[in-house]
C-alpha atoms as a PDB file:
ATOM      1  CA  UNK A   1       4.971  21.310 -19.830  1.00  0.00           C
ATOM      2  CA  UNK A   2       3.918  19.159 -16.879  1.00  0.00           C
ATOM      3  CA  UNK A   3       3.378  15.631 -17.832  1.00  0.00           C
ATOM      4  CA  UNK A   4      -0.250  14.359 -17.958  1.00  0.00           C
ATOM      5  CA  UNK A   5      -1.551  13.131 -14.892  1.00  0.00           C
ATOM      6  CA  UNK A   6      -3.485   9.722 -15.668  1.00  0.00           C
ATOM      7  CA  UNK A   7      -5.498   6.832 -13.859  1.00  0.00           C
ATOM      8  CA  UNK A   8      -3.937   3.566 -15.332  1.00  0.00           C
ATOM      9  CA  UNK A   9      -6.758   0.633 -14.933  1.00  0.00           C
ATOM     10  CA  UNK A  10      -5.152  -2.807 -13.568  1.00  0.00           C
ATOM     11  CA  UNK A  11      -5.098  -4.336 -17.117  1.00  0.00           C
ATOM     12  CA  UNK A  12      -3.039  -2.029 -18.637  1.00  0.00           C
ATOM     13  CA  UNK A  13      -0.133  -1.819 -15.395  1.00  0.00           C
ATOM     14  CA  UNK A  14       0.299  -5.160 -15.474  1.00  0.00           C
ATOM     15  CA  UNK A  15       0.896  -5.293 -19.036  1.00  0.00           C
ATOM     16  CA  UNK A  16       3.233  -2.827 -19.222  1.00  0.00           C
ATOM     17  CA  UNK A  17       4.517  -4.413 -16.052  1.00  0.00           C
ATOM     18  CA  UNK A  18       5.184  -8.052 -17.208  1.00  0.00           C
ATOM     19  CA  UNK A  19       5.195  -7.935 -20.849  1.00  0.00           C
ATOM     20  CA  UNK A  20       8.473  -5.346 -21.696  1.00  0.00           C
ATOM     21  CA  UNK A  21       8.286  -5.705 -25.058  1.00  0.00           C
ATOM     22  CA  UNK A  22       4.012  -5.581 -25.894  1.00  0.00           C
ATOM     23  CA  UNK A  23       2.276  -3.094 -27.421  1.00  0.00           C
ATOM     24  CA  UNK A  24       2.184  -1.520 -23.456  1.00  0.00           C
ATOM     25  CA  UNK A  25       5.626  -1.429 -22.802  1.00  0.00           C
ATOM     26  CA  UNK A  26       5.523   2.496 -24.035  1.00  0.00           C
ATOM     27  CA  UNK A  27       3.623   3.513 -20.558  1.00  0.00           C
ATOM     28  CA  UNK A  28       6.273   1.759 -18.710  1.00  0.00           C
ATOM     29  CA  UNK A  29       8.977   3.873 -20.510  1.00  0.00           C
ATOM     30  CA  UNK A  30       6.663   6.880 -20.649  1.00  0.00           C
ATOM     31  CA  UNK A  31       5.879   6.299 -16.457  1.00  0.00           C
ATOM     32  CA  UNK A  32       9.921   6.204 -15.810  1.00  0.00           C
ATOM     33  CA  UNK A  33      11.132   8.953 -18.223  1.00  0.00           C
ATOM     34  CA  UNK A  34       8.722  11.046 -16.650  1.00  0.00           C
ATOM     35  CA  UNK A  35       5.865  11.717 -19.660  1.00  0.00           C
ATOM     36  CA  UNK A  36       3.118  10.593 -17.969  1.00  0.00           C
ATOM     37  CA  UNK A  37       2.404  10.941 -13.838  1.00  0.00           C
ATOM     38  CA  UNK A  38       0.723   7.783 -13.001  1.00  0.00           C
ATOM     39  CA  UNK A  39      -2.599   8.570 -10.187  1.00  0.00           C
ATOM     40  CA  UNK A  40      -2.502   5.775  -7.837  1.00  0.00           C
ATOM     41  CA  UNK A  41      -4.619   5.307  -4.425  1.00  0.00           C
ATOM     42  CA  UNK A  42      -4.820   2.517  -1.479  1.00  0.00           C
ATOM     43  CA  UNK A  43      -7.877   0.576  -3.877  1.00  0.00           C
ATOM     44  CA  UNK A  44      -6.046   0.655  -6.875  1.00  0.00           C
ATOM     45  CA  UNK A  45      -2.859  -0.294  -5.511  1.00  0.00           C
ATOM     46  CA  UNK A  46      -4.284  -2.826  -3.563  1.00  0.00           C
ATOM     47  CA  UNK A  47      -6.578  -4.334  -5.968  1.00  0.00           C
ATOM     48  CA  UNK A  48      -3.209  -3.858  -8.706  1.00  0.00           C
ATOM     49  CA  UNK A  49      -1.186  -6.630  -5.909  1.00  0.00           C
ATOM     50  CA  UNK A  50      -4.379  -8.962  -6.199  1.00  0.00           C
ATOM     51  CA  UNK A  51      -4.365  -8.815  -9.888  1.00  0.00           C
ATOM     52  CA  UNK A  52      -0.281  -9.595  -9.503  1.00  0.00           C
ATOM     53  CA  UNK A  53      -0.694 -12.327  -7.657  1.00  0.00           C
ATOM     54  CA  UNK A  54      -2.998 -14.042  -9.563  1.00  0.00           C
ATOM     55  CA  UNK A  55      -1.535 -17.871 -10.085  1.00  0.00           C
ATOM     56  CA  UNK A  56      -1.457 -17.181 -13.832  1.00  0.00           C
ATOM     57  CA  UNK A  57       1.302 -14.851 -13.878  1.00  0.00           C
ATOM     58  CA  UNK A  58       3.223 -17.295 -11.625  1.00  0.00           C
ATOM     59  CA  UNK A  59       5.293 -14.811  -9.855  1.00  0.00           C
ATOM     60  CA  UNK A  60       6.512 -15.042  -6.525  1.00  0.00           C
ATOM     61  CA  UNK A  61       6.528 -12.381  -3.736  1.00  0.00           C
ATOM     62  CA  UNK A  62      10.010 -11.214  -4.424  1.00  0.00           C
ATOM     63  CA  UNK A  63       8.732 -10.548  -8.690  1.00  0.00           C
ATOM     64  CA  UNK A  64       5.676  -8.958  -7.057  1.00  0.00           C
ATOM     65  CA  UNK A  65       7.903  -6.432  -5.314  1.00  0.00           C
ATOM     66  CA  UNK A  66      10.161  -5.473  -7.740  1.00  0.00           C
ATOM     67  CA  UNK A  67       7.557  -5.043 -10.564  1.00  0.00           C
ATOM     68  CA  UNK A  68       5.729  -2.449  -7.755  1.00  0.00           C
ATOM     69  CA  UNK A  69       9.218  -1.072  -7.440  1.00  0.00           C
ATOM     70  CA  UNK A  70       9.115  -0.476 -11.723  1.00  0.00           C
ATOM     71  CA  UNK A  71       6.131   1.610 -10.583  1.00  0.00           C
ATOM     72  CA  UNK A  72       5.299   2.947  -7.415  1.00  0.00           C
ATOM     73  CA  UNK A  73       8.139   5.371  -7.223  1.00  0.00           C
ATOM     74  CA  UNK A  74       6.830   7.060 -10.434  1.00  0.00           C
ATOM     75  CA  UNK A  75       3.451   7.346  -9.144  1.00  0.00           C
ATOM     76  CA  UNK A  76       1.338  10.233  -7.523  1.00  0.00           C
ATOM     77  CA  UNK A  77      -0.437   8.572  -4.655  1.00  0.00           C
ATOM     78  CA  UNK A  78      -3.938  10.234  -4.138  1.00  0.00           C
ATOM     79  CA  UNK A  79      -4.259  10.329  -0.146  1.00  0.00           C
ATOM     80  CA  UNK A  80      -8.412  10.256  -0.001  1.00  0.00           C
ATOM     81  CA  UNK A  81      -9.775   7.367   0.815  1.00  0.00           C
ATOM     82  CA  UNK A  82     -12.110   6.912  -2.122  1.00  0.00           C
ATOM     83  CA  UNK A  83     -16.205   6.570  -1.888  1.00  0.00           C
ATOM     84  CA  UNK A  84     -17.275   2.572  -2.009  1.00  0.00           C
ATOM     85  CA  UNK A  85     -20.148   3.661  -4.257  1.00  0.00           C
ATOM     86  CA  UNK A  86     -20.899   2.247  -7.342  1.00  0.00           C
ATOM     87  CA  UNK A  87     -20.851   4.357 -10.530  1.00  0.00           C
ATOM     88  CA  UNK A  88     -24.324   3.475 -12.387  1.00  0.00           C
ATOM     89  CA  UNK A  89     -23.099   3.897 -15.401  1.00  0.00           C
ATOM     90  CA  UNK A  90     -20.820   0.944 -15.205  1.00  0.00           C
ATOM     91  CA  UNK A  91     -20.945  -2.624 -16.303  1.00  0.00           C
ATOM     92  CA  UNK A  92     -18.240  -3.655 -13.886  1.00  0.00           C
ATOM     93  CA  UNK A  93     -18.613  -2.292  -9.821  1.00  0.00           C
ATOM     94  CA  UNK A  94     -14.955  -3.147  -9.956  1.00  0.00           C
ATOM     95  CA  UNK A  95     -14.059   0.240 -12.379  1.00  0.00           C
ATOM     96  CA  UNK A  96     -15.393   2.528  -9.695  1.00  0.00           C
ATOM     97  CA  UNK A  97     -12.490   3.193  -8.132  1.00  0.00           C
ATOM     98  CA  UNK A  98     -10.683   3.791 -11.157  1.00  0.00           C
ATOM     99  CA  UNK A  99     -13.547   6.451 -12.055  1.00  0.00           C
ATOM    100  CA  UNK A 100     -13.513   7.994  -8.802  1.00  0.00           C
ATOM    101  CA  UNK A 101      -9.571   8.589  -8.603  1.00  0.00           C
ATOM    102  CA  UNK A 102      -9.929  10.132 -12.012  1.00  0.00           C
ATOM    103  CA  UNK A 103     -12.757  12.261 -11.307  1.00  0.00           C
ATOM    104  CA  UNK A 104     -10.988  13.274  -7.142  1.00  0.00           C
ATOM    105  CA  UNK A 105      -7.665  14.210  -8.777  1.00  0.00           C
ATOM    106  CA  UNK A 106      -8.479  15.571 -11.889  1.00  0.00           C
ATOM    107  CA  UNK A 107      -6.865  13.343 -13.686  1.00  0.00           C
ATOM    108  CA  UNK A 108      -6.029  14.225 -17.609  1.00  0.00           C
ATOM    109  CA  UNK A 109      -7.341  10.668 -18.407  1.00  0.00           C
ATOM    110  CA  UNK A 110      -8.075   7.533 -17.236  1.00  0.00           C
ATOM    111  CA  UNK A 111      -6.588   4.740 -19.389  1.00  0.00           C
ATOM    112  CA  UNK A 112      -8.729   1.526 -20.058  1.00  0.00           C
ATOM    113  CA  UNK A 113      -8.580  -1.429 -22.358  1.00  0.00           C
ATOM    114  CA  UNK A 114     -12.046  -2.012 -21.076  1.00  0.00           C
ATOM    115  CA  UNK A 115     -14.171  -1.823 -24.328  1.00  0.00           C
ATOM    116  CA  UNK A 116     -17.558  -0.859 -21.534  1.00  0.00           C
ATOM    117  CA  UNK A 117     -15.295   1.936 -20.261  1.00  0.00           C
ATOM    118  CA  UNK A 118     -14.662   3.134 -23.418  1.00  0.00           C
ATOM    119  CA  UNK A 119     -18.420   3.412 -24.608  1.00  0.00           C
ATOM    120  CA  UNK A 120     -19.653   5.215 -21.567  1.00  0.00           C
ATOM    121  CA  UNK A 121     -21.427   8.435 -22.170  1.00  0.00           C
ATOM    122  CA  UNK A 122     -19.448  11.191 -20.377  1.00  0.00           C
ATOM    123  CA  UNK A 123     -18.304  10.717 -16.748  1.00  0.00           C
ATOM    124  CA  UNK A 124     -16.643  14.086 -16.225  1.00  0.00           C
ATOM    125  CA  UNK A 125     -13.670  12.548 -17.289  1.00  0.00           C
ATOM    126  CA  UNK A 126     -11.391  11.929 -20.412  1.00  0.00           C
ATOM    127  CA  UNK A 127     -11.287   7.957 -21.306  1.00  0.00           C
ATOM    128  CA  UNK A 128      -9.077   6.662 -23.360  1.00  0.00           C
ATOM    129  CA  UNK A 129      -7.670   3.201 -24.780  1.00  0.00           C
ATOM    130  CA  UNK A 130      -4.086   2.311 -24.288  1.00  0.00           C
ATOM    131  CA  UNK A 131      -3.317   3.079 -28.260  1.00  0.00           C
ATOM    132  CA  UNK A 132      -5.447   6.027 -28.074  1.00  0.00           C
ATOM    133  CA  UNK A 133      -3.788   7.630 -25.165  1.00  0.00           C
ATOM    134  CA  UNK A 134       0.232   6.414 -26.842  1.00  0.00           C
ATOM    135  CA  UNK A 135      -0.749   7.988 -30.007  1.00  0.00           C
ATOM    136  CA  UNK A 136      -1.745  11.167 -28.050  1.00  0.00           C
ATOM    137  CA  UNK A 137       1.268  11.155 -26.043  1.00  0.00           C
ATOM    138  CA  UNK A 138       3.444  10.459 -29.307  1.00  0.00           C
ATOM    139  CA  UNK A 139       2.007  13.553 -30.965  1.00  0.00           C
ATOM    140  CA  UNK A 140       2.943  16.605 -28.147  1.00  0.00           C
END
């Protein structure tokens, strides 16, 4: 059985990468063990690098490079440039890249902790909270 192909929003990724014993650490273990196949594109990786550079995390360039090395080799890179157009249903325009990626790459799910994303009507993609996704993954 092929692992589910998923788009992980930046908050989920940062939490899984920075907090090795945190509630989202199982996501990191899931991509490292091949249980899931994260999907990324140039825009989502740029967003991840930007967020990891926030002063509150106090990460050096070497720290960021190390974190990226713990993630990117496990990801499937989507080469197509995503549209810059907004998704009208989104309260946060920055989330459009994740929705576009999930749609274009026909992801099995978009995993996000953003309440406004989780409450959206059907966008043609499955949007799950990290907890719901991890429960679903462990039930397989």
